[in-house]
N, C-alpha and C. Protein backbone atom coordinates (compact mmCIF):
# COMPACT_ATOMS: atom_id res chain seq x y z
N UNK A 1 -14.85 16.51 9.95
CA UNK A 1 -15.81 15.82 10.45
C UNK A 1 -16.80 15.17 8.89
N UNK A 2 -17.14 15.85 8.46
CA UNK A 2 -17.70 15.34 6.73
C UNK A 2 -16.74 14.35 6.22
N UNK A 3 -15.09 14.43 6.24
CA UNK A 3 -14.19 13.22 5.50
C UNK A 3 -14.37 12.12 6.67
N UNK A 4 -14.11 12.56 7.90
CA UNK A 4 -14.72 11.44 8.37
C UNK A 4 -15.52 10.16 8.23
N UNK A 5 -17.18 10.78 8.30
CA UNK A 5 -18.29 10.16 7.57
C UNK A 5 -18.13 9.11 6.83
N UNK A 6 -17.29 10.11 5.78
CA UNK A 6 -17.25 9.15 4.58
C UNK A 6 -16.28 8.18 4.66
N UNK A 7 -15.26 8.45 5.62
CA UNK A 7 -14.74 7.35 5.18
C UNK A 7 -14.78 5.88 5.71
N UNK A 8 -15.93 6.58 6.73
CA UNK A 8 -16.50 5.42 7.70
C UNK A 8 -17.12 4.85 6.87
N UNK A 9 -18.60 5.63 5.44
CA UNK A 9 -19.48 4.85 4.48
C UNK A 9 -18.32 4.61 3.88
N UNK A 10 -17.90 5.08 3.06
CA UNK A 10 -16.65 3.80 2.90
C UNK A 10 -16.12 2.32 3.30
N UNK A 11 -15.68 2.45 4.39
CA UNK A 11 -15.57 0.96 5.11
C UNK A 11 -16.36 -0.01 5.11
N UNK A 12 -17.80 0.45 5.18
CA UNK A 12 -18.69 -0.10 5.56
C UNK A 12 -19.71 -0.66 4.65
N UNK A 13 -19.58 0.34 3.34
CA UNK A 13 -20.43 -0.06 2.12
C UNK A 13 -19.46 -0.89 1.33
N UNK A 14 -18.69 0.06 0.76
CA UNK A 14 -18.02 -0.11 -0.47
C UNK A 14 -16.95 -1.93 0.33
N UNK A 15 -16.10 -1.38 1.48
CA UNK A 15 -15.48 -2.38 1.44
C UNK A 15 -15.49 -3.77 2.04
N UNK A 16 -16.13 -3.39 2.58
CA UNK A 16 -17.05 -4.50 3.94
C UNK A 16 -18.10 -5.33 2.91
N UNK A 17 -18.96 -5.01 2.43
CA UNK A 17 -19.67 -5.23 1.15
C UNK A 17 -18.94 -6.30 0.02
N UNK A 18 -17.84 -5.11 0.05
CA UNK A 18 -16.93 -5.78 -0.97
C UNK A 18 -16.66 -7.83 -0.48
N UNK A 19 -15.60 -7.63 0.96
CA UNK A 19 -15.66 -8.67 1.34
C UNK A 19 -16.86 -10.07 1.76
N UNK A 20 -17.40 -9.37 1.42
CA UNK A 20 -19.23 -10.50 1.98
C UNK A 20 -19.50 -10.61 0.77
N UNK A 21 -19.88 -10.24 -0.50
CA UNK A 21 -20.27 -10.57 -1.15
C UNK A 21 -19.43 -11.12 -2.45
N UNK A 22 -18.32 -10.58 -2.62
CA UNK A 22 -16.87 -12.50 -3.32
C UNK A 22 -17.07 -13.19 -3.29
N UNK A 23 -16.53 -13.18 -1.91
CA UNK A 23 -16.52 -14.95 -1.64
C UNK A 23 -17.51 -15.60 -1.31
N UNK A 24 -18.53 -14.94 -1.03
CA UNK A 24 -19.94 -15.91 -1.34
C UNK A 24 -20.45 -16.08 -3.34
N UNK A 25 -20.49 -15.38 -4.05
CA UNK A 25 -19.95 -15.67 -5.04
C UNK A 25 -19.46 -16.61 -5.89
N UNK A 26 -17.97 -16.57 -4.90
CA UNK A 26 -17.13 -17.82 -5.86
C UNK A 26 -17.55 -18.95 -5.01
N UNK A 27 -18.60 -18.83 -3.33
CA UNK A 27 -18.43 -20.18 -3.14
C UNK A 27 -19.28 -20.95 -4.59
N UNK A 28 -20.63 -19.69 -4.67
CA UNK A 28 -21.55 -20.45 -4.89
C UNK A 28 -20.72 -20.86 -5.96
N UNK A 29 -20.00 -20.53 -7.01
CA UNK A 29 -19.92 -20.94 -8.31
C UNK A 29 -18.64 -21.87 -8.42
N UNK A 30 -17.97 -22.90 -7.33
CA UNK A 30 -16.43 -23.53 -6.98
C UNK A 30 -17.04 -24.63 -6.88
N UNK A 31 -16.66 -26.00 -7.86
CA UNK A 31 -16.84 -26.71 -7.48
C UNK A 31 -16.56 -27.46 -5.80
N UNK A 32 -17.28 -28.25 -5.42
CA UNK A 32 -16.18 -28.55 -3.97
C UNK A 32 -15.28 -29.98 -4.38
N UNK A 33 -14.33 -30.01 -3.33
CA UNK A 33 -13.57 -30.79 -3.45
C UNK A 33 -12.47 -31.18 -2.56
N UNK A 34 -12.18 -32.17 -1.70
CA UNK A 34 -11.16 -31.68 -1.02
C UNK A 34 -10.18 -30.59 -0.37
N UNK A 35 -10.18 -30.66 -1.60
CA UNK A 35 -8.78 -29.07 -1.61
C UNK A 35 -9.89 -27.45 -1.70
N UNK A 36 -11.10 -27.79 -2.28
CA UNK A 36 -12.41 -26.98 -2.15
C UNK A 36 -12.96 -26.95 -0.61
N UNK A 37 -12.00 -27.90 0.24
CA UNK A 37 -12.83 -28.06 1.66
C UNK A 37 -11.81 -26.23 2.34
N UNK A 38 -10.44 -26.33 1.70
CA UNK A 38 -9.26 -25.37 2.60
C UNK A 38 -10.05 -23.71 1.94
N UNK A 39 -10.48 -24.03 0.53
CA UNK A 39 -10.73 -22.34 -0.40
C UNK A 39 -11.81 -21.92 0.52
N UNK A 40 -13.16 -22.85 0.93
CA UNK A 40 -14.91 -22.71 1.19
C UNK A 40 -14.28 -22.88 2.96
N UNK A 41 -13.10 -22.54 3.41
CA UNK A 41 -12.56 -21.65 5.07
C UNK A 41 -12.36 -21.07 4.70
N UNK A 42 -11.36 -20.88 3.90
CA UNK A 42 -10.67 -19.37 4.13
C UNK A 42 -11.51 -17.54 2.92
N UNK A 43 -12.57 -18.43 2.39
CA UNK A 43 -13.33 -17.65 2.08
C UNK A 43 -14.28 -17.28 2.94
N UNK A 44 -14.48 -18.33 4.40
CA UNK A 44 -15.62 -18.13 4.94
C UNK A 44 -15.00 -17.32 6.02
N UNK A 45 -14.24 -17.85 6.11
CA UNK A 45 -13.21 -16.77 7.38
C UNK A 45 -13.01 -14.98 6.65
N UNK A 46 -12.74 -14.84 5.31
CA UNK A 46 -13.04 -14.03 4.26
C UNK A 46 -14.05 -12.84 4.95
N UNK A 47 -15.78 -13.69 4.87
CA UNK A 47 -16.80 -13.42 4.77
C UNK A 47 -17.07 -12.88 6.30
N UNK A 48 -16.51 -13.54 7.21
CA UNK A 48 -16.69 -13.05 8.95
C UNK A 48 -15.84 -11.59 8.55
N UNK A 49 -14.80 -11.58 8.67
CA UNK A 49 -14.08 -10.09 8.50
C UNK A 49 -15.22 -9.37 7.81
N UNK A 50 -15.79 -9.47 6.40
CA UNK A 50 -16.40 -7.94 6.08
C UNK A 50 -17.56 -7.97 7.21
N UNK A 51 -17.80 -8.74 7.74
CA UNK A 51 -19.33 -8.72 8.15
C UNK A 51 -19.29 -8.11 9.89
N UNK A 52 -17.31 -8.10 10.21
CA UNK A 52 -17.43 -8.07 11.73
C UNK A 52 -17.04 -6.10 10.68
N UNK A 53 -16.42 -5.95 10.15
CA UNK A 53 -15.53 -4.65 9.88
C UNK A 53 -17.03 -3.98 9.46
N UNK A 54 -18.24 -4.26 8.72
CA UNK A 54 -19.48 -3.22 7.96
C UNK A 54 -20.12 -3.42 9.55
N UNK A 55 -19.96 -4.23 10.95
CA UNK A 55 -21.28 -3.88 12.30
C UNK A 55 -20.17 -3.21 12.70
N UNK A 56 -18.33 -2.84 12.57
CA UNK A 56 -17.49 -2.12 13.47
C UNK A 56 -18.43 -0.71 12.98
N UNK A 57 -17.93 -0.40 11.39
CA UNK A 57 -18.35 0.49 11.22
C UNK A 57 -19.38 1.41 11.01
N UNK A 58 -20.54 0.39 10.95
CA UNK A 58 -21.29 0.60 12.12
C UNK A 58 -22.12 1.44 13.36
N UNK A 59 -21.67 1.08 14.06
CA UNK A 59 -21.13 1.56 15.03
C UNK A 59 -20.75 2.80 15.42
N UNK A 60 -19.24 2.86 14.76
CA UNK A 60 -18.57 3.84 14.68
C UNK A 60 -19.24 5.25 14.33
N UNK A 61 -20.44 4.98 13.37
CA UNK A 61 -21.37 6.09 12.65
C UNK A 61 -22.38 6.53 13.30
N UNK A 62 -22.36 5.43 14.31
CA UNK A 62 -24.11 5.89 15.33
C UNK A 62 -22.98 6.62 16.44
N UNK A 63 -21.06 6.60 17.21
CA UNK A 63 -20.92 7.18 17.46
C UNK A 63 -21.01 8.37 17.47
N UNK A 64 -20.05 8.48 16.57
CA UNK A 64 -19.91 9.86 15.21
C UNK A 64 -21.31 10.25 15.74
N UNK A 65 -22.81 10.33 15.40
CA UNK A 65 -23.71 10.78 14.86
C UNK A 65 -24.54 11.50 16.62
N UNK A 66 -24.40 9.93 17.67
CA UNK A 66 -23.96 10.96 19.11
C UNK A 66 -23.17 12.06 19.43
N UNK A 67 -22.12 11.63 19.63
CA UNK A 67 -20.85 12.92 19.73
C UNK A 67 -21.48 14.00 19.26
N UNK A 68 -22.09 14.35 18.06
CA UNK A 68 -22.90 15.27 17.16
C UNK A 68 -23.42 15.62 18.59
N UNK A 69 -24.50 14.88 18.95
CA UNK A 69 -25.83 15.56 19.18
C UNK A 69 -25.53 15.79 20.90
N UNK A 70 -24.54 14.81 21.30
CA UNK A 70 -23.91 15.84 23.19
C UNK A 70 -23.11 17.19 22.09
N UNK A 71 -22.17 16.89 21.66
CA UNK A 71 -21.85 18.86 21.82
C UNK A 71 -22.64 19.88 21.18
N UNK A 72 -24.16 19.36 20.36
CA UNK A 72 -24.74 20.19 19.56
C UNK A 72 -25.68 20.53 21.17
N UNK A 73 -25.93 19.66 21.76
CA UNK A 73 -26.93 19.85 23.23
C UNK A 73 -25.69 20.87 24.40
N UNK A 74 -24.78 20.78 24.54
CA UNK A 74 -23.90 20.58 25.04
C UNK A 74 -23.85 22.77 24.57
N UNK A 75 -23.90 23.26 23.13
CA UNK A 75 -23.62 24.52 22.88
C UNK A 75 -21.94 24.41 21.94
N UNK A 76 -21.26 23.66 21.83
CA UNK A 76 -20.15 23.93 21.32
C UNK A 76 -20.08 23.30 19.67
N UNK A 77 -21.23 23.01 19.13
CA UNK A 77 -21.40 22.70 17.26
C UNK A 77 -22.15 23.61 16.69
N UNK A 78 -21.84 24.22 16.09
CA UNK A 78 -23.46 24.91 15.31
C UNK A 78 -24.89 24.31 14.85
N UNK A 79 -25.43 24.82 15.40
CA UNK A 79 -26.74 24.12 14.83
C UNK A 79 -26.72 23.83 13.16
N UNK A 80 -27.46 22.82 12.97
CA UNK A 80 -28.03 22.91 11.68
C UNK A 80 -28.88 23.62 11.04
N UNK A 81 -28.28 24.02 9.50
CA UNK A 81 -29.41 25.19 9.40
C UNK A 81 -30.67 24.43 8.82
N UNK A 82 -32.07 24.71 9.26
CA UNK A 82 -33.70 24.39 8.54
C UNK A 82 -34.19 24.57 7.27
């Protein structure tokens, strides 16, 4: 279960954040022209994919937390040490 949580965190924050931050930074630096419109549209699409990845990973993390709680309530999961 620990590896799954780690993978979701990596997907959500590192890869998703990179897909959002890098194109936005590039759009702020790049000068606009007719060719720039195509670059802008491509960068905006990549940013949208990054936001979708972050939201999907966040909901997966919540589902994993809920499944762990259900298993703990059913007695199938060992209780956390206090």
